[in-house]
Every structure is written in structure tokens, then in C-alpha cells.
Amino acid sequence: MTDLLAWVTAPVNVVLLLLIAAAVIDLSIQWIPDTFTAAAAGLLVASALHADITPHQAVTGVLCGAIAFLIYVELGVHGILGGGDVKLVPIPAAILGAVNPLLALWWLTSAVSLQGLLSIGNRALRLPPGVPHVPAMAVTFAAASCFAVLF
């Protein structure tokens, strides 16, 4: 039982579970509530404190989250991404940045690239516009969390 508790409370796994929940919400209603994002941020902070993240890791994570936020704000201003995506992106970027900043960079570029491929496929199939972005964030975060084991 303690192994399961340790796995569930690990910050990377907390964010993975939250992103899966957010992806389901985004697919069903195409909107991420602000209360969900605030709760996710609180859970991340609680799990990070429980995991004894060092101050250096915390600062690196916050900087990676801030950079990801600024990139997504720019994409949001141009109408490429929605506000929920912009508010949610610092959470996974921060935890991956705490593990390794290059991992956060890989995740960010992979999520945007996968979203672009999904949008191209959506247009090729002549489906209605508006592919939710959080599922792409969740899939690429799952891949990045597998790489986080190496660091």
C-alpha cells in the first residue's frame, strides 16, 4: 500500500493524472475550468513539498513554467490556443523543468507539434475546426514522464 501511495503522490504522476482528467474534460466540453487549474496547481505544490524538491529544482521548475506560459500566451493572443491551455501549461512545464529543463523543452515542442499534426489531419478529413489541445499535452507528458525516469 505504501508503494501505491508513493507512486500516486510523486509530482510527475500527480501531474500526469491531472492532465488525463483535464484531457477528458477538454474533449467533452472543450473548456478547462479555472477551478480545475487552481486545484491542479495546489496539488502540484503539495506533492512537490511531499517529495522534498530542492530549492534549485523549484526555481528551475518555476522558470520553465514561466517560459512555457509566455510562449502559450503568445499563441493564445494569435488565437491558436485557448485560455484554459494557457493557464494549464505552467503546471506540467514546472514539474518537468524541476526534473530537467531540457525535458520541459522537449515536452513543450512535442505538445505543440502533435497539436499541429492533429490540426492538419482534422483539416484533411474535413472535420469541424477546433481540436482540443490538452489531449496532446497529456500524451506528450506521458512520454516525457517515461524519460524523466532517466534523469
N, C-alpha and C. Protein backbone atom coordinates (compact mmCIF):
# COMPACT_ATOMS: atom_id res chain seq x y z
N MET A 1 0.82 -1.20 0.00
CA MET A 1 0.00 0.00 0.00
C MET A 1 0.86 1.26 0.00
N THR A 2 1.98 1.23 0.72
CA THR A 2 2.84 2.41 0.74
C THR A 2 3.50 2.65 -0.61
N ASP A 3 3.74 1.58 -1.39
CA ASP A 3 4.29 1.76 -2.73
C ASP A 3 3.29 2.49 -3.62
N LEU A 4 2.04 2.13 -3.53
CA LEU A 4 0.99 2.80 -4.31
C LEU A 4 0.87 4.26 -3.89
N LEU A 5 0.92 4.52 -2.59
CA LEU A 5 0.84 5.90 -2.10
C LEU A 5 2.04 6.71 -2.58
N ALA A 6 3.22 6.11 -2.58
CA ALA A 6 4.41 6.81 -3.05
C ALA A 6 4.30 7.12 -4.54
N TRP A 7 3.73 6.19 -5.33
CA TRP A 7 3.59 6.42 -6.76
C TRP A 7 2.58 7.52 -7.04
N VAL A 8 1.45 7.48 -6.34
CA VAL A 8 0.39 8.46 -6.59
C VAL A 8 0.81 9.86 -6.15
N THR A 9 1.60 9.98 -5.10
CA THR A 9 1.98 11.30 -4.61
C THR A 9 3.24 11.86 -5.28
N ALA A 10 3.90 11.09 -6.13
CA ALA A 10 5.06 11.63 -6.86
C ALA A 10 4.58 12.76 -7.77
N PRO A 11 5.26 13.90 -7.77
CA PRO A 11 4.79 15.07 -8.53
C PRO A 11 4.55 14.79 -10.01
N VAL A 12 5.43 14.03 -10.65
CA VAL A 12 5.24 13.74 -12.07
C VAL A 12 3.97 12.94 -12.29
N ASN A 13 3.69 11.99 -11.41
CA ASN A 13 2.48 11.18 -11.55
C ASN A 13 1.23 11.97 -11.21
N VAL A 14 1.32 12.88 -10.25
CA VAL A 14 0.18 13.75 -9.93
C VAL A 14 -0.20 14.57 -11.15
N VAL A 15 0.79 15.15 -11.80
CA VAL A 15 0.52 15.97 -12.99
C VAL A 15 0.00 15.11 -14.13
N LEU A 16 0.53 13.92 -14.29
CA LEU A 16 0.04 13.02 -15.34
C LEU A 16 -1.44 12.69 -15.13
N LEU A 17 -1.81 12.36 -13.91
CA LEU A 17 -3.22 12.06 -13.61
C LEU A 17 -4.10 13.29 -13.82
N LEU A 18 -3.61 14.46 -13.43
CA LEU A 18 -4.37 15.69 -13.63
C LEU A 18 -4.53 16.02 -15.12
N LEU A 19 -3.48 15.79 -15.91
CA LEU A 19 -3.58 16.06 -17.34
C LEU A 19 -4.54 15.09 -18.03
N ILE A 20 -4.57 13.85 -17.57
CA ILE A 20 -5.54 12.90 -18.14
C ILE A 20 -6.96 13.37 -17.83
N ALA A 21 -7.18 13.80 -16.59
CA ALA A 21 -8.52 14.32 -16.23
C ALA A 21 -8.85 15.57 -17.04
N ALA A 22 -7.87 16.46 -17.21
CA ALA A 22 -8.10 17.67 -17.99
C ALA A 22 -8.36 17.35 -19.46
N ALA A 23 -7.70 16.32 -19.99
CA ALA A 23 -7.93 15.94 -21.38
C ALA A 23 -9.35 15.43 -21.58
N VAL A 24 -9.84 14.67 -20.60
CA VAL A 24 -11.22 14.18 -20.68
C VAL A 24 -12.20 15.36 -20.64
N ILE A 25 -11.93 16.30 -19.76
CA ILE A 25 -12.79 17.49 -19.66
C ILE A 25 -12.74 18.29 -20.96
N ASP A 26 -11.53 18.47 -21.49
CA ASP A 26 -11.36 19.26 -22.71
C ASP A 26 -12.03 18.59 -23.91
N LEU A 27 -11.96 17.27 -23.98
CA LEU A 27 -12.63 16.56 -25.07
C LEU A 27 -14.16 16.63 -24.95
N SER A 28 -14.65 16.59 -23.71
CA SER A 28 -16.10 16.56 -23.54
C SER A 28 -16.75 17.94 -23.66
N ILE A 29 -16.16 18.96 -23.04
CA ILE A 29 -16.81 20.28 -23.09
C ILE A 29 -15.95 21.34 -23.78
N GLN A 30 -14.75 20.99 -24.20
CA GLN A 30 -13.81 21.89 -24.86
C GLN A 30 -13.59 23.18 -24.07
N TRP A 31 -13.36 22.99 -22.79
CA TRP A 31 -13.14 24.12 -21.88
C TRP A 31 -12.51 23.58 -20.60
N ILE A 32 -11.50 24.25 -20.10
CA ILE A 32 -10.86 23.87 -18.84
C ILE A 32 -11.25 24.90 -17.79
N PRO A 33 -12.02 24.50 -16.77
CA PRO A 33 -12.45 25.46 -15.75
C PRO A 33 -11.26 25.99 -14.95
N ASP A 34 -11.35 27.24 -14.56
CA ASP A 34 -10.29 27.86 -13.75
C ASP A 34 -10.14 27.16 -12.41
N THR A 35 -11.24 26.67 -11.85
CA THR A 35 -11.16 25.98 -10.57
C THR A 35 -10.34 24.69 -10.69
N PHE A 36 -10.44 24.02 -11.83
CA PHE A 36 -9.65 22.81 -12.05
C PHE A 36 -8.16 23.17 -12.10
N THR A 37 -7.83 24.23 -12.82
CA THR A 37 -6.43 24.65 -12.94
C THR A 37 -5.87 25.06 -11.58
N ALA A 38 -6.66 25.77 -10.79
CA ALA A 38 -6.21 26.19 -9.45
C ALA A 38 -6.01 24.98 -8.54
N ALA A 39 -6.93 24.03 -8.59
CA ALA A 39 -6.79 22.81 -7.79
C ALA A 39 -5.57 22.01 -8.23
N ALA A 40 -5.33 21.95 -9.54
CA ALA A 40 -4.17 21.23 -10.06
C ALA A 40 -2.87 21.88 -9.59
N ALA A 41 -2.83 23.20 -9.58
CA ALA A 41 -1.63 23.89 -9.10
C ALA A 41 -1.41 23.61 -7.61
N GLY A 42 -2.48 23.62 -6.84
CA GLY A 42 -2.36 23.31 -5.41
C GLY A 42 -1.89 21.90 -5.17
N LEU A 43 -2.42 20.95 -5.94
CA LEU A 43 -1.96 19.56 -5.79
C LEU A 43 -0.50 19.40 -6.18
N LEU A 44 -0.07 20.14 -7.20
CA LEU A 44 1.33 20.08 -7.59
C LEU A 44 2.23 20.59 -6.48
N VAL A 45 1.87 21.70 -5.89
CA VAL A 45 2.67 22.27 -4.80
C VAL A 45 2.70 21.30 -3.61
N ALA A 46 1.56 20.73 -3.27
CA ALA A 46 1.51 19.79 -2.15
C ALA A 46 2.36 18.55 -2.42
N SER A 47 2.28 18.02 -3.64
CA SER A 47 3.09 16.84 -3.94
C SER A 47 4.57 17.17 -4.03
N ALA A 48 4.89 18.38 -4.49
CA ALA A 48 6.30 18.79 -4.54
C ALA A 48 6.87 18.95 -3.13
N LEU A 49 6.09 19.48 -2.22
CA LEU A 49 6.56 19.60 -0.83
C LEU A 49 6.71 18.23 -0.20
N HIS A 50 5.82 17.32 -0.54
CA HIS A 50 5.88 15.95 -0.01
C HIS A 50 7.10 15.21 -0.56
N ALA A 51 7.51 15.54 -1.78
CA ALA A 51 8.62 14.85 -2.44
C ALA A 51 9.97 15.48 -2.10
N ASP A 52 9.98 16.51 -1.30
CA ASP A 52 11.23 17.18 -0.90
C ASP A 52 12.04 17.68 -2.10
N ILE A 53 11.39 18.43 -2.97
CA ILE A 53 12.09 19.03 -4.10
C ILE A 53 13.03 20.11 -3.56
N THR A 54 14.25 20.13 -4.06
CA THR A 54 15.25 21.09 -3.58
C THR A 54 14.91 22.50 -4.07
N PRO A 55 15.45 23.53 -3.42
CA PRO A 55 15.21 24.90 -3.88
C PRO A 55 15.69 25.13 -5.33
N HIS A 56 16.81 24.52 -5.68
CA HIS A 56 17.31 24.66 -7.05
C HIS A 56 16.32 24.07 -8.05
N GLN A 57 15.77 22.91 -7.75
CA GLN A 57 14.78 22.30 -8.62
C GLN A 57 13.52 23.15 -8.70
N ALA A 58 13.12 23.72 -7.57
CA ALA A 58 11.92 24.56 -7.54
C ALA A 58 12.09 25.80 -8.42
N VAL A 59 13.25 26.46 -8.30
CA VAL A 59 13.50 27.66 -9.11
C VAL A 59 13.55 27.31 -10.59
N THR A 60 14.22 26.23 -10.93
CA THR A 60 14.30 25.80 -12.32
C THR A 60 12.90 25.47 -12.86
N GLY A 61 12.10 24.80 -12.05
CA GLY A 61 10.75 24.46 -12.46
C GLY A 61 9.88 25.69 -12.67
N VAL A 62 9.99 26.66 -11.77
CA VAL A 62 9.20 27.89 -11.90
C VAL A 62 9.62 28.66 -13.15
N LEU A 63 10.91 28.71 -13.42
CA LEU A 63 11.37 29.41 -14.63
C LEU A 63 10.88 28.71 -15.90
N CYS A 64 10.93 27.40 -15.92
CA CYS A 64 10.42 26.65 -17.09
C CYS A 64 8.92 26.86 -17.25
N GLY A 65 8.19 26.86 -16.14
CA GLY A 65 6.75 27.12 -16.20
C GLY A 65 6.45 28.52 -16.71
N ALA A 66 7.24 29.50 -16.29
CA ALA A 66 7.04 30.88 -16.73
C ALA A 66 7.34 31.03 -18.23
N ILE A 67 8.39 30.40 -18.69
CA ILE A 67 8.73 30.47 -20.12
C ILE A 67 7.63 29.81 -20.95
N ALA A 68 7.16 28.64 -20.52
CA ALA A 68 6.08 27.95 -21.24
C ALA A 68 4.82 28.81 -21.25
N PHE A 69 4.52 29.44 -20.12
CA PHE A 69 3.36 30.32 -20.04
C PHE A 69 3.46 31.46 -21.04
N LEU A 70 4.63 32.09 -21.12
CA LEU A 70 4.80 33.21 -22.05
C LEU A 70 4.67 32.77 -23.51
N ILE A 71 5.18 31.59 -23.82
CA ILE A 71 5.05 31.07 -25.19
C ILE A 71 3.57 30.82 -25.50
N TYR A 72 2.87 30.21 -24.55
CA TYR A 72 1.45 29.91 -24.78
C TYR A 72 0.59 31.17 -24.77
N VAL A 73 0.99 32.19 -24.03
CA VAL A 73 0.26 33.47 -24.08
C VAL A 73 0.34 34.03 -25.50
N GLU A 74 1.53 33.96 -26.09
CA GLU A 74 1.69 34.46 -27.45
C GLU A 74 0.83 33.66 -28.43
N LEU A 75 0.81 32.34 -28.26
CA LEU A 75 -0.04 31.51 -29.12
C LEU A 75 -1.53 31.79 -28.87
N GLY A 76 -1.88 32.09 -27.63
CA GLY A 76 -3.25 32.41 -27.29
C GLY A 76 -3.69 33.75 -27.85
N VAL A 77 -2.79 34.73 -27.85
CA VAL A 77 -3.10 36.05 -28.40
C VAL A 77 -3.43 35.94 -29.89
N HIS A 78 -2.76 35.05 -30.57
CA HIS A 78 -2.99 34.87 -32.01
C HIS A 78 -4.15 33.91 -32.30
N GLY A 79 -4.83 33.44 -31.25
CA GLY A 79 -6.00 32.59 -31.43
C GLY A 79 -5.68 31.14 -31.75
N ILE A 80 -4.43 30.74 -31.56
CA ILE A 80 -4.04 29.37 -31.86
C ILE A 80 -4.45 28.43 -30.72
N LEU A 81 -4.36 28.91 -29.50
CA LEU A 81 -4.72 28.12 -28.31
C LEU A 81 -5.72 28.90 -27.47
N GLY A 82 -6.46 28.16 -26.64
CA GLY A 82 -7.45 28.79 -25.77
C GLY A 82 -6.86 29.21 -24.43
N GLY A 83 -7.63 29.94 -23.68
CA GLY A 83 -7.19 30.44 -22.38
C GLY A 83 -6.94 29.34 -21.37
N GLY A 84 -7.73 28.27 -21.40
CA GLY A 84 -7.52 27.15 -20.48
C GLY A 84 -6.17 26.48 -20.71
N ASP A 85 -5.78 26.36 -21.98
CA ASP A 85 -4.48 25.78 -22.31
C ASP A 85 -3.35 26.67 -21.78
N VAL A 86 -3.53 27.96 -21.93
CA VAL A 86 -2.52 28.92 -21.49
C VAL A 86 -2.34 28.86 -19.97
N LYS A 87 -3.46 28.76 -19.24
CA LYS A 87 -3.38 28.73 -17.77
C LYS A 87 -2.89 27.39 -17.25
N LEU A 88 -3.09 26.32 -18.01
CA LEU A 88 -2.71 24.98 -17.55
C LEU A 88 -1.25 24.65 -17.83
N VAL A 89 -0.66 25.23 -18.86
CA VAL A 89 0.68 24.83 -19.30
C VAL A 89 1.80 25.02 -18.27
N PRO A 90 1.77 26.00 -17.37
CA PRO A 90 2.88 26.11 -16.42
C PRO A 90 3.00 24.91 -15.47
N ILE A 91 1.91 24.21 -15.23
CA ILE A 91 1.94 23.11 -14.27
C ILE A 91 2.82 21.97 -14.76
N PRO A 92 2.56 21.39 -15.94
CA PRO A 92 3.45 20.33 -16.40
C PRO A 92 4.85 20.82 -16.73
N ALA A 93 4.95 22.04 -17.26
CA ALA A 93 6.27 22.57 -17.59
C ALA A 93 7.11 22.75 -16.33
N ALA A 94 6.49 23.15 -15.24
CA ALA A 94 7.23 23.37 -14.00
C ALA A 94 7.77 22.07 -13.43
N ILE A 95 6.95 21.02 -13.44
CA ILE A 95 7.43 19.77 -12.85
C ILE A 95 8.48 19.13 -13.73
N LEU A 96 8.32 19.19 -15.04
CA LEU A 96 9.36 18.64 -15.92
C LEU A 96 10.62 19.49 -15.87
N GLY A 97 10.44 20.79 -15.72
CA GLY A 97 11.61 21.66 -15.58
C GLY A 97 12.37 21.41 -14.30
N ALA A 98 11.66 21.00 -13.25
CA ALA A 98 12.33 20.65 -12.00
C ALA A 98 13.16 19.38 -12.16
N VAL A 99 12.69 18.47 -13.01
CA VAL A 99 13.46 17.25 -13.28
C VAL A 99 14.65 17.59 -14.15
N ASN A 100 14.39 18.25 -15.29
CA ASN A 100 15.45 18.66 -16.21
C ASN A 100 14.84 19.67 -17.19
N PRO A 101 15.44 20.85 -17.33
CA PRO A 101 14.88 21.87 -18.23
C PRO A 101 14.77 21.40 -19.68
N LEU A 102 15.69 20.56 -20.13
CA LEU A 102 15.61 20.05 -21.49
C LEU A 102 14.40 19.15 -21.68
N LEU A 103 14.02 18.46 -20.65
CA LEU A 103 12.83 17.62 -20.70
C LEU A 103 11.58 18.49 -20.85
N ALA A 104 11.55 19.61 -20.15
CA ALA A 104 10.42 20.55 -20.30
C ALA A 104 10.38 21.12 -21.71
N LEU A 105 11.54 21.44 -22.26
CA LEU A 105 11.59 21.96 -23.62
C LEU A 105 11.12 20.91 -24.62
N TRP A 106 11.56 19.66 -24.43
CA TRP A 106 11.13 18.58 -25.32
C TRP A 106 9.62 18.42 -25.24
N TRP A 107 9.08 18.43 -24.03
CA TRP A 107 7.64 18.27 -23.87
C TRP A 107 6.88 19.39 -24.56
N LEU A 108 7.33 20.61 -24.37
CA LEU A 108 6.63 21.77 -24.94
C LEU A 108 6.61 21.70 -26.47
N THR A 109 7.76 21.43 -27.07
CA THR A 109 7.80 21.35 -28.53
C THR A 109 7.02 20.14 -29.05
N SER A 110 7.05 19.04 -28.32
CA SER A 110 6.29 17.85 -28.74
C SER A 110 4.79 18.10 -28.67
N ALA A 111 4.33 18.77 -27.62
CA ALA A 111 2.90 19.05 -27.48
C ALA A 111 2.41 19.95 -28.60
N VAL A 112 3.16 21.00 -28.90
CA VAL A 112 2.76 21.92 -29.97
C VAL A 112 2.83 21.22 -31.32
N SER A 113 3.86 20.40 -31.53
CA SER A 113 3.98 19.67 -32.80
C SER A 113 2.86 18.67 -32.99
N LEU A 114 2.53 17.91 -31.94
CA LEU A 114 1.43 16.96 -32.03
C LEU A 114 0.12 17.67 -32.30
N GLN A 115 -0.07 18.81 -31.66
CA GLN A 115 -1.29 19.59 -31.91
C GLN A 115 -1.36 20.04 -33.36
N GLY A 116 -0.23 20.44 -33.91
CA GLY A 116 -0.20 20.83 -35.31
C GLY A 116 -0.54 19.68 -36.24
N LEU A 117 0.00 18.50 -35.94
CA LEU A 117 -0.33 17.32 -36.76
C LEU A 117 -1.81 16.96 -36.66
N LEU A 118 -2.36 17.06 -35.45
CA LEU A 118 -3.79 16.78 -35.28
C LEU A 118 -4.65 17.78 -36.04
N SER A 119 -4.24 19.03 -36.04
CA SER A 119 -4.99 20.06 -36.77
C SER A 119 -4.92 19.84 -38.28
N ILE A 120 -3.74 19.44 -38.77
CA ILE A 120 -3.60 19.15 -40.20
C ILE A 120 -4.47 17.96 -40.58
N GLY A 121 -4.45 16.91 -39.75
CA GLY A 121 -5.30 15.75 -40.01
C GLY A 121 -6.78 16.10 -39.96
N ASN A 122 -7.13 16.98 -39.04
CA ASN A 122 -8.52 17.43 -38.93
C ASN A 122 -8.97 18.14 -40.20
N ARG A 123 -8.10 18.98 -40.74
CA ARG A 123 -8.44 19.69 -41.98
C ARG A 123 -8.48 18.73 -43.17
N ALA A 124 -7.55 17.77 -43.20
CA ALA A 124 -7.50 16.82 -44.32
C ALA A 124 -8.77 15.96 -44.36
N LEU A 125 -9.29 15.64 -43.18
CA LEU A 125 -10.51 14.84 -43.12
C LEU A 125 -11.77 15.69 -43.20
N ARG A 126 -11.59 16.99 -43.30
CA ARG A 126 -12.70 17.95 -43.41
C ARG A 126 -13.66 17.85 -42.22
N LEU A 127 -13.08 17.72 -41.04
CA LEU A 127 -13.86 17.70 -39.82
C LEU A 127 -14.08 19.12 -39.33
N PRO A 128 -15.03 19.33 -38.42
CA PRO A 128 -15.22 20.68 -37.90
C PRO A 128 -13.95 21.19 -37.20
N PRO A 129 -13.67 22.47 -37.31
CA PRO A 129 -12.45 23.01 -36.69
C PRO A 129 -12.53 22.96 -35.17
N GLY A 130 -11.36 23.04 -34.54
CA GLY A 130 -11.30 23.11 -33.09
C GLY A 130 -10.89 21.81 -32.44
N VAL A 131 -9.65 21.42 -32.63
CA VAL A 131 -9.12 20.22 -31.98
C VAL A 131 -8.63 20.63 -30.60
N PRO A 132 -9.13 20.02 -29.51
CA PRO A 132 -8.66 20.38 -28.17
C PRO A 132 -7.16 20.11 -28.02
N HIS A 133 -6.48 20.97 -27.27
CA HIS A 133 -5.03 20.86 -27.13
C HIS A 133 -4.59 20.02 -25.93
N VAL A 134 -5.38 19.95 -24.89
CA VAL A 134 -4.95 19.25 -23.67
C VAL A 134 -4.69 17.76 -23.91
N PRO A 135 -5.43 17.07 -24.77
CA PRO A 135 -5.05 15.67 -25.03
C PRO A 135 -3.63 15.54 -25.59
N ALA A 136 -3.22 16.46 -26.46
CA ALA A 136 -1.85 16.43 -26.96
C ALA A 136 -0.85 16.69 -25.83
N MET A 137 -1.22 17.59 -24.92
CA MET A 137 -0.36 17.85 -23.76
C MET A 137 -0.23 16.60 -22.89
N ALA A 138 -1.34 15.89 -22.71
CA ALA A 138 -1.33 14.71 -21.85
C ALA A 138 -0.52 13.57 -22.46
N VAL A 139 -0.68 13.34 -23.74
CA VAL A 139 0.05 12.25 -24.41
C VAL A 139 1.55 12.52 -24.38
N THR A 140 1.94 13.74 -24.72
CA THR A 140 3.37 14.04 -24.72
C THR A 140 3.94 14.10 -23.31
N PHE A 141 3.12 14.48 -22.32
CA PHE A 141 3.60 14.45 -20.94
C PHE A 141 3.82 13.02 -20.48
N ALA A 142 2.96 12.10 -20.91
CA ALA A 142 3.15 10.69 -20.56
C ALA A 142 4.48 10.19 -21.12
N ALA A 143 4.79 10.58 -22.36
CA ALA A 143 6.08 10.19 -22.95
C ALA A 143 7.23 10.85 -22.20
N ALA A 144 7.08 12.12 -21.86
CA ALA A 144 8.14 12.83 -21.13
C ALA A 144 8.35 12.25 -19.74
N SER A 145 7.26 11.82 -19.09
CA SER A 145 7.41 11.25 -17.75
C SER A 145 8.16 9.92 -17.82
N CYS A 146 8.05 9.21 -18.93
CA CYS A 146 8.86 8.00 -19.10
C CYS A 146 10.33 8.35 -19.20
N PHE A 147 10.64 9.46 -19.89
CA PHE A 147 12.02 9.90 -19.98
C PHE A 147 12.53 10.46 -18.66
N ALA A 148 11.62 10.97 -17.82
CA ALA A 148 12.03 11.56 -16.53
C ALA A 148 12.69 10.53 -15.64
N VAL A 149 12.37 9.27 -15.83
CA VAL A 149 12.99 8.20 -15.04
C VAL A 149 14.48 8.16 -15.30
N LEU A 150 14.90 8.54 -16.50
CA LEU A 150 16.32 8.50 -16.85
C LEU A 150 17.13 9.59 -16.16
N PHE A 151 16.46 10.67 -15.73
CA PHE A 151 17.19 11.79 -15.14
C PHE A 151 17.28 11.63 -13.68
